[in-house]
């Protein structure tokens, strides 16, 4: 269906086998690529590097997105988002493993009527999450001050 107010448009290729022709008014540039992204300024580089650490408070997604999108635009954001992402991956694996262990131990302790021990063990994943929040904030503050930050325990999944 065509709009009566618009001028009629010709098909992109009038016959099979003819090369693609862009719609009228659109330039055709074969092999054209988007311009490379501009490097970040020093202040933006530091800002995004610190946000990659601060984002760890809510989980690994902010560090992952910052690393994937901005890693080629600034050396400091590349280094620090990689560090934050390595920590978040390490934390996430440890958190899942600890939840599994707590579930297994909790089920085993139910049969022994050790309800006090079950409640103590049940707090462990929350304490690990609290450690993540504290370390992410410390990392963000240090990086915002211009210093590089290394987490005390983090596997280097991304080199």
Protein backbone atom coordinates (compact mmCIF):
# COMPACT_ATOMS: atom_id res chain seq x y z
CA UNK A 1 0.00 0.00 0.00
CA UNK A 2 1.39 3.40 -0.94
CA UNK A 3 0.87 6.78 0.63
CA UNK A 4 -0.78 9.18 -1.87
CA UNK A 5 1.15 12.12 -0.41
CA UNK A 6 4.58 10.61 -1.09
CA UNK A 7 6.09 10.43 -4.55
CA UNK A 8 6.17 6.94 -6.05
CA UNK A 9 9.42 5.03 -5.44
CA UNK A 10 11.11 2.68 -7.83
CA UNK A 11 12.07 -0.80 -6.71
CA UNK A 12 15.66 -1.27 -5.55
CA UNK A 13 16.57 -3.50 -8.49
CA UNK A 14 14.35 -3.49 -11.53
CA UNK A 15 15.34 -6.93 -12.80
CA UNK A 16 16.79 -10.02 -11.16
CA UNK A 17 20.57 -10.14 -11.37
CA UNK A 18 21.04 -6.37 -11.24
CA UNK A 19 23.09 -4.93 -8.36
CA UNK A 20 21.42 -3.31 -5.39
CA UNK A 21 20.47 0.33 -5.84
CA UNK A 22 19.66 2.42 -2.76
CA UNK A 23 16.34 4.20 -2.48
CA UNK A 24 16.22 7.64 -4.08
CA UNK A 25 17.86 10.30 -1.98
CA UNK A 26 20.10 7.80 -0.16
CA UNK A 27 23.82 7.75 -1.02
CA UNK A 28 25.36 4.42 -1.89
CA UNK A 29 28.81 3.77 -0.52
CA UNK A 30 29.96 0.19 -1.08
CA UNK A 31 32.13 -1.09 1.73
CA UNK A 32 31.55 1.98 3.88
CA UNK A 33 32.19 1.51 7.57
CA UNK A 34 31.27 3.53 10.59
CA UNK A 35 33.91 5.91 11.89
CA UNK A 36 35.89 4.54 14.83
CA UNK A 37 34.79 5.71 18.25
CA UNK A 38 36.63 8.69 19.68
CA UNK A 39 38.95 8.11 22.65
CA UNK A 40 37.61 9.07 26.05
CA UNK A 41 38.90 12.18 27.75
CA UNK A 42 40.98 11.63 30.89
CA UNK A 43 38.08 12.56 33.16
CA UNK A 44 35.62 10.30 31.30
CA UNK A 45 38.17 7.48 31.33
CA UNK A 46 38.42 7.77 35.12
CA UNK A 47 34.65 8.14 35.51
CA UNK A 48 33.77 4.99 33.57
CA UNK A 49 36.59 3.06 35.25
CA UNK A 50 35.20 3.94 38.68
CA UNK A 51 31.62 3.19 37.58
CA UNK A 52 32.70 -0.30 36.54
CA UNK A 53 33.70 -0.94 40.16
CA UNK A 54 30.72 0.85 41.73
CA UNK A 55 28.38 -1.15 39.46
CA UNK A 56 29.51 -4.32 41.21
CA UNK A 57 27.11 -3.43 44.02
CA UNK A 58 24.24 -4.61 41.81
CA UNK A 59 26.09 -7.46 40.08
CA UNK A 60 28.38 -8.26 37.16
CA UNK A 61 26.35 -6.66 34.36
CA UNK A 62 27.64 -3.05 34.67
CA UNK A 63 31.29 -4.16 34.58
CA UNK A 64 30.58 -6.42 31.62
CA UNK A 65 28.81 -3.71 29.62
CA UNK A 66 31.46 -1.09 30.37
CA UNK A 67 34.22 -3.50 29.41
CA UNK A 68 32.57 -4.55 26.15
CA UNK A 69 31.53 -1.06 25.06
CA UNK A 70 34.38 1.16 26.25
CA UNK A 71 37.48 -1.06 26.47
CA UNK A 72 38.95 0.31 23.24
CA UNK A 73 38.32 3.95 24.08
CA UNK A 74 40.57 4.43 27.11
CA UNK A 75 43.47 2.59 28.76
CA UNK A 76 42.32 3.20 32.34
CA UNK A 77 38.75 2.07 31.69
CA UNK A 78 40.10 -1.04 29.92
CA UNK A 79 42.33 -1.95 32.86
CA UNK A 80 39.82 -1.23 35.61
CA UNK A 81 36.71 -2.62 33.93
CA UNK A 82 38.65 -5.82 33.26
CA UNK A 83 39.68 -5.96 36.92
CA UNK A 84 36.11 -5.31 38.07
CA UNK A 85 34.74 -7.90 35.65
CA UNK A 86 37.25 -10.53 36.79
CA UNK A 87 36.23 -9.87 40.39
CA UNK A 88 32.52 -10.05 39.55
CA UNK A 89 32.95 -13.37 37.72
CA UNK A 90 34.98 -14.76 40.64
CA UNK A 91 32.40 -13.51 43.13
CA UNK A 92 29.46 -14.85 41.11
CA UNK A 93 31.00 -18.34 40.83
CA UNK A 94 31.82 -18.35 44.56
CA UNK A 95 28.33 -17.11 45.44
CA UNK A 96 26.63 -19.86 43.40
CA UNK A 97 28.95 -22.53 44.85
CA UNK A 98 28.34 -21.29 48.38
CA UNK A 99 24.57 -21.36 47.87
CA UNK A 100 24.79 -24.96 46.66
CA UNK A 101 26.96 -25.93 49.63
CA UNK A 102 24.61 -24.19 52.06
CA UNK A 103 21.61 -25.96 50.54
CA UNK A 104 23.29 -29.37 50.80
CA UNK A 105 24.55 -28.77 54.35
CA UNK A 106 21.21 -27.31 55.38
CA UNK A 107 19.39 -30.38 54.11
CA UNK A 108 21.87 -32.68 55.85
CA UNK A 109 21.62 -30.76 59.12
CA UNK A 110 17.83 -30.95 59.09
CA UNK A 111 18.12 -34.64 59.85
CA UNK A 112 20.30 -33.95 62.89
CA UNK A 113 17.99 -31.27 64.30
CA UNK A 114 20.86 -28.74 64.35
CA UNK A 115 18.62 -25.78 63.62
CA UNK A 116 20.99 -23.22 65.17
CA UNK A 117 23.81 -24.31 62.88
CA UNK A 118 21.48 -24.17 59.87
CA UNK A 119 20.65 -20.55 60.61
CA UNK A 120 24.35 -19.65 60.94
CA UNK A 121 25.26 -21.37 57.68
CA UNK A 122 22.33 -19.71 55.94
CA UNK A 123 23.93 -16.29 56.45
CA UNK A 124 27.12 -17.16 54.52
CA UNK A 125 25.90 -16.19 51.00
CA UNK A 126 24.64 -12.87 52.37
CA UNK A 127 27.99 -12.20 54.02
CA UNK A 128 29.74 -12.94 50.73
CA UNK A 129 27.41 -10.48 48.97
CA UNK A 130 28.21 -7.89 51.66
CA UNK A 131 31.93 -8.44 51.02
CA UNK A 132 31.26 -7.83 47.31
CA UNK A 133 29.51 -4.55 48.10
CA UNK A 134 32.32 -3.35 50.38
CA UNK A 135 35.10 -4.31 47.95
CA UNK A 136 33.25 -2.78 44.98
CA UNK A 137 32.84 0.52 46.83
CA UNK A 138 36.48 0.52 47.94
CA UNK A 139 37.53 -0.17 44.34
CA UNK A 140 35.32 2.59 42.98
CA UNK A 141 36.62 5.14 45.49
CA UNK A 142 40.28 4.25 44.81
CA UNK A 143 39.81 4.38 41.04
CA UNK A 144 37.87 7.65 41.29
CA UNK A 145 40.92 9.02 43.11
CA UNK A 146 43.09 8.05 40.13
CA UNK A 147 44.68 4.90 41.60
CA UNK A 148 44.49 1.43 40.09
CA UNK A 149 42.73 -1.14 42.28
CA UNK A 150 43.29 -4.88 42.56
CA UNK A 151 40.79 -7.02 44.42
CA UNK A 152 42.38 -9.19 47.13
CA UNK A 153 41.08 -12.44 45.60
CA UNK A 154 40.11 -12.59 41.95
CA UNK A 155 40.84 -15.12 39.25
CA UNK A 156 42.05 -13.58 36.00
CA UNK A 157 39.48 -14.98 33.59
CA UNK A 158 39.94 -12.09 31.18
CA UNK A 159 43.56 -11.29 30.41
